[in-house]
Amino acid sequence: MTNTSYQRRTATANINRYNHSTDYRLEDVYGRYSAAKARAWNYCLELMKKYDGYGLKVLSSNTFMFTAGFLFVDKDTGVIQFMFITPNYDCIVDY
């Protein structure tokens, strides 16, 4: 996964949003949501499983899209990492 410096800066800037979010489900931010949003959320859940992650949260949302994030421990270094998920890219930064 190669990310631009802009994507890494954006991911790092969203750690604070992650720390303050209490939205653990799509239902926490949407009264009703589309099948496309449900598929996107399932993608987030699968990505979290792939990385053995925890604490998936919705970080931002609007009518058209949402962003999400979760934490995981890098198996090689033991460092806690933050995965930032957008409709266009996923980005890992140190937590």
C-alpha atoms as a PDB file:
ATOM      1  CA  MET A   1       0.000   0.000   0.000  1.00  0.00           C
ATOM      2  CA  THR A   2       1.697   3.162  -1.215  1.00  0.00           C
ATOM      3  CA  ASN A   3       0.257   6.459  -0.071  1.00  0.00           C
ATOM      4  CA  THR A   4       1.065  10.037  -0.964  1.00  0.00           C
ATOM      5  CA  SER A   5       2.287  12.468   1.667  1.00  0.00           C
ATOM      6  CA  TYR A   6      -1.109  14.216   1.441  1.00  0.00           C
ATOM      7  CA  GLN A   7      -2.911  10.952   2.234  1.00  0.00           C
ATOM      8  CA  ARG A   8      -0.593  10.275   5.189  1.00  0.00           C
ATOM      9  CA  ARG A   9      -1.085  13.829   6.536  1.00  0.00           C
ATOM     10  CA  THR A  10      -4.854  13.479   6.173  1.00  0.00           C
ATOM     11  CA  ALA A  11      -4.826  10.121   7.942  1.00  0.00           C
ATOM     12  CA  THR A  12      -2.701  11.507  10.784  1.00  0.00           C
ATOM     13  CA  ALA A  13      -5.023  14.508  11.099  1.00  0.00           C
ATOM     14  CA  ASN A  14      -7.975  12.127  11.552  1.00  0.00           C
ATOM     15  CA  ILE A  15      -6.512  10.364  14.599  1.00  0.00           C
ATOM     16  CA  ASN A  16      -8.020  13.044  16.840  1.00  0.00           C
ATOM     17  CA  ARG A  17     -11.391  12.521  15.171  1.00  0.00           C
ATOM     18  CA  TYR A  18     -10.989   8.773  15.794  1.00  0.00           C
ATOM     19  CA  ASN A  19     -10.203   9.358  19.465  1.00  0.00           C
ATOM     20  CA  HIS A  20     -13.391  11.391  19.947  1.00  0.00           C
ATOM     21  CA  SER A  21     -15.806   9.394  17.796  1.00  0.00           C
ATOM     22  CA  THR A  22     -18.480   7.292  19.479  1.00  0.00           C
ATOM     23  CA  ASP A  23     -19.953   6.072  16.179  1.00  0.00           C
ATOM     24  CA  TYR A  24     -19.276   2.333  15.984  1.00  0.00           C
ATOM     25  CA  ARG A  25     -21.999   1.487  13.451  1.00  0.00           C
ATOM     26  CA  LEU A  26     -23.495   3.039  10.336  1.00  0.00           C
ATOM     27  CA  GLU A  27     -26.753   3.264  12.266  1.00  0.00           C
ATOM     28  CA  ASP A  28     -25.044   5.719  14.594  1.00  0.00           C
ATOM     29  CA  VAL A  29     -24.746   8.278  11.778  1.00  0.00           C
ATOM     30  CA  TYR A  30     -27.468   7.320   9.276  1.00  0.00           C
ATOM     31  CA  GLY A  31     -31.152   6.725   9.905  1.00  0.00           C
ATOM     32  CA  ARG A  32     -31.275   4.795   6.642  1.00  0.00           C
ATOM     33  CA  TYR A  33     -28.424   4.062   4.272  1.00  0.00           C
ATOM     34  CA  SER A  34     -27.944   2.599   0.827  1.00  0.00           C
ATOM     35  CA  ALA A  35     -26.800  -0.877  -0.125  1.00  0.00           C
ATOM     36  CA  ALA A  36     -23.598   0.766  -1.417  1.00  0.00           C
ATOM     37  CA  LYS A  37     -22.870   2.193   2.044  1.00  0.00           C
ATOM     38  CA  ALA A  38     -23.575  -1.227   3.581  1.00  0.00           C
ATOM     39  CA  ARG A  39     -21.077  -2.805   1.137  1.00  0.00           C
ATOM     40  CA  ALA A  40     -18.531  -0.117   1.985  1.00  0.00           C
ATOM     41  CA  TRP A  41     -18.985  -0.796   5.722  1.00  0.00           C
ATOM     42  CA  ASN A  42     -18.541  -4.536   5.103  1.00  0.00           C
ATOM     43  CA  TYR A  43     -15.304  -3.704   3.267  1.00  0.00           C
ATOM     44  CA  CYS A  44     -14.156  -1.819   6.386  1.00  0.00           C
ATOM     45  CA  LEU A  45     -15.035  -4.787   8.603  1.00  0.00           C
ATOM     46  CA  GLU A  46     -13.158  -7.205   6.329  1.00  0.00           C
ATOM     47  CA  LEU A  47     -10.110  -4.917   6.248  1.00  0.00           C
ATOM     48  CA  MET A  48     -10.165  -4.746  10.037  1.00  0.00           C
ATOM     49  CA  LYS A  49     -10.279  -8.561  10.208  1.00  0.00           C
ATOM     50  CA  LYS A  50      -7.399  -8.820   7.716  1.00  0.00           C
ATOM     51  CA  TYR A  51      -5.204  -6.671   9.968  1.00  0.00           C
ATOM     52  CA  ASP A  52      -6.473  -8.249  13.199  1.00  0.00           C
ATOM     53  CA  GLY A  53      -7.689  -4.774  14.104  1.00  0.00           C
ATOM     54  CA  TYR A  54     -10.128  -3.388  16.627  1.00  0.00           C
ATOM     55  CA  GLY A  55     -12.276  -0.354  17.341  1.00  0.00           C
ATOM     56  CA  LEU A  56     -13.736   0.365  13.898  1.00  0.00           C
ATOM     57  CA  LYS A  57     -15.505   3.749  13.964  1.00  0.00           C
ATOM     58  CA  VAL A  58     -17.197   6.115  11.541  1.00  0.00           C
ATOM     59  CA  LEU A  59     -15.109   9.294  11.491  1.00  0.00           C
ATOM     60  CA  SER A  60     -17.092  11.514   9.148  1.00  0.00           C
ATOM     61  CA  SER A  61     -20.290  11.171   7.157  1.00  0.00           C
ATOM     62  CA  ASN A  62     -22.522  13.009   4.775  1.00  0.00           C
ATOM     63  CA  THR A  63     -25.260  12.111   2.321  1.00  0.00           C
ATOM     64  CA  PHE A  64     -22.812  10.709  -0.208  1.00  0.00           C
ATOM     65  CA  MET A  65     -20.018   9.016   1.736  1.00  0.00           C
ATOM     66  CA  PHE A  66     -18.314   8.262   5.028  1.00  0.00           C
ATOM     67  CA  THR A  67     -14.801   7.733   6.318  1.00  0.00           C
ATOM     68  CA  ALA A  68     -13.812   5.188   8.931  1.00  0.00           C
ATOM     69  CA  GLY A  69     -10.833   4.055  10.932  1.00  0.00           C
ATOM     70  CA  PHE A  70      -9.567   1.363  13.247  1.00  0.00           C
ATOM     71  CA  LEU A  71      -6.452   0.426  15.192  1.00  0.00           C
ATOM     72  CA  PHE A  72      -4.187  -2.611  14.910  1.00  0.00           C
ATOM     73  CA  VAL A  73      -0.801  -3.725  16.150  1.00  0.00           C
ATOM     74  CA  ASP A  74       1.958  -4.096  13.543  1.00  0.00           C
ATOM     75  CA  LYS A  75       3.013  -7.731  13.923  1.00  0.00           C
ATOM     76  CA  ASP A  76       6.640  -6.958  13.025  1.00  0.00           C
ATOM     77  CA  THR A  77       7.235  -3.932  15.249  1.00  0.00           C
ATOM     78  CA  GLY A  78       4.541  -4.107  17.935  1.00  0.00           C
ATOM     79  CA  VAL A  79       3.629  -0.463  17.179  1.00  0.00           C
ATOM     80  CA  ILE A  80      -0.052   0.493  17.253  1.00  0.00           C
ATOM     81  CA  GLN A  81      -1.157   1.633  13.794  1.00  0.00           C
ATOM     82  CA  PHE A  82      -4.168   3.628  12.615  1.00  0.00           C
ATOM     83  CA  MET A  83      -5.947   2.592   9.423  1.00  0.00           C
ATOM     84  CA  PHE A  84      -7.830   5.473   7.796  1.00  0.00           C
ATOM     85  CA  ILE A  85     -10.427   4.380   5.214  1.00  0.00           C
ATOM     86  CA  THR A  86     -11.965   6.654   2.591  1.00  0.00           C
ATOM     87  CA  PRO A  87     -13.946   5.861  -0.570  1.00  0.00           C
ATOM     88  CA  ASN A  88     -10.753   6.491  -2.582  1.00  0.00           C
ATOM     89  CA  TYR A  89      -7.913   5.036  -0.505  1.00  0.00           C
ATOM     90  CA  ASP A  90      -6.850   3.324   2.706  1.00  0.00           C
ATOM     91  CA  CYS A  91      -3.869   4.661   4.608  1.00  0.00           C
ATOM     92  CA  ILE A  92      -1.850   3.327   7.545  1.00  0.00           C
ATOM     93  CA  VAL A  93      -0.004   5.678   9.902  1.00  0.00           C
ATOM     94  CA  ASP A  94       1.492   5.314  13.372  1.00  0.00           C
ATOM     95  CA  TYR A  95      -1.053   5.880  16.112  1.00  0.00           C
END
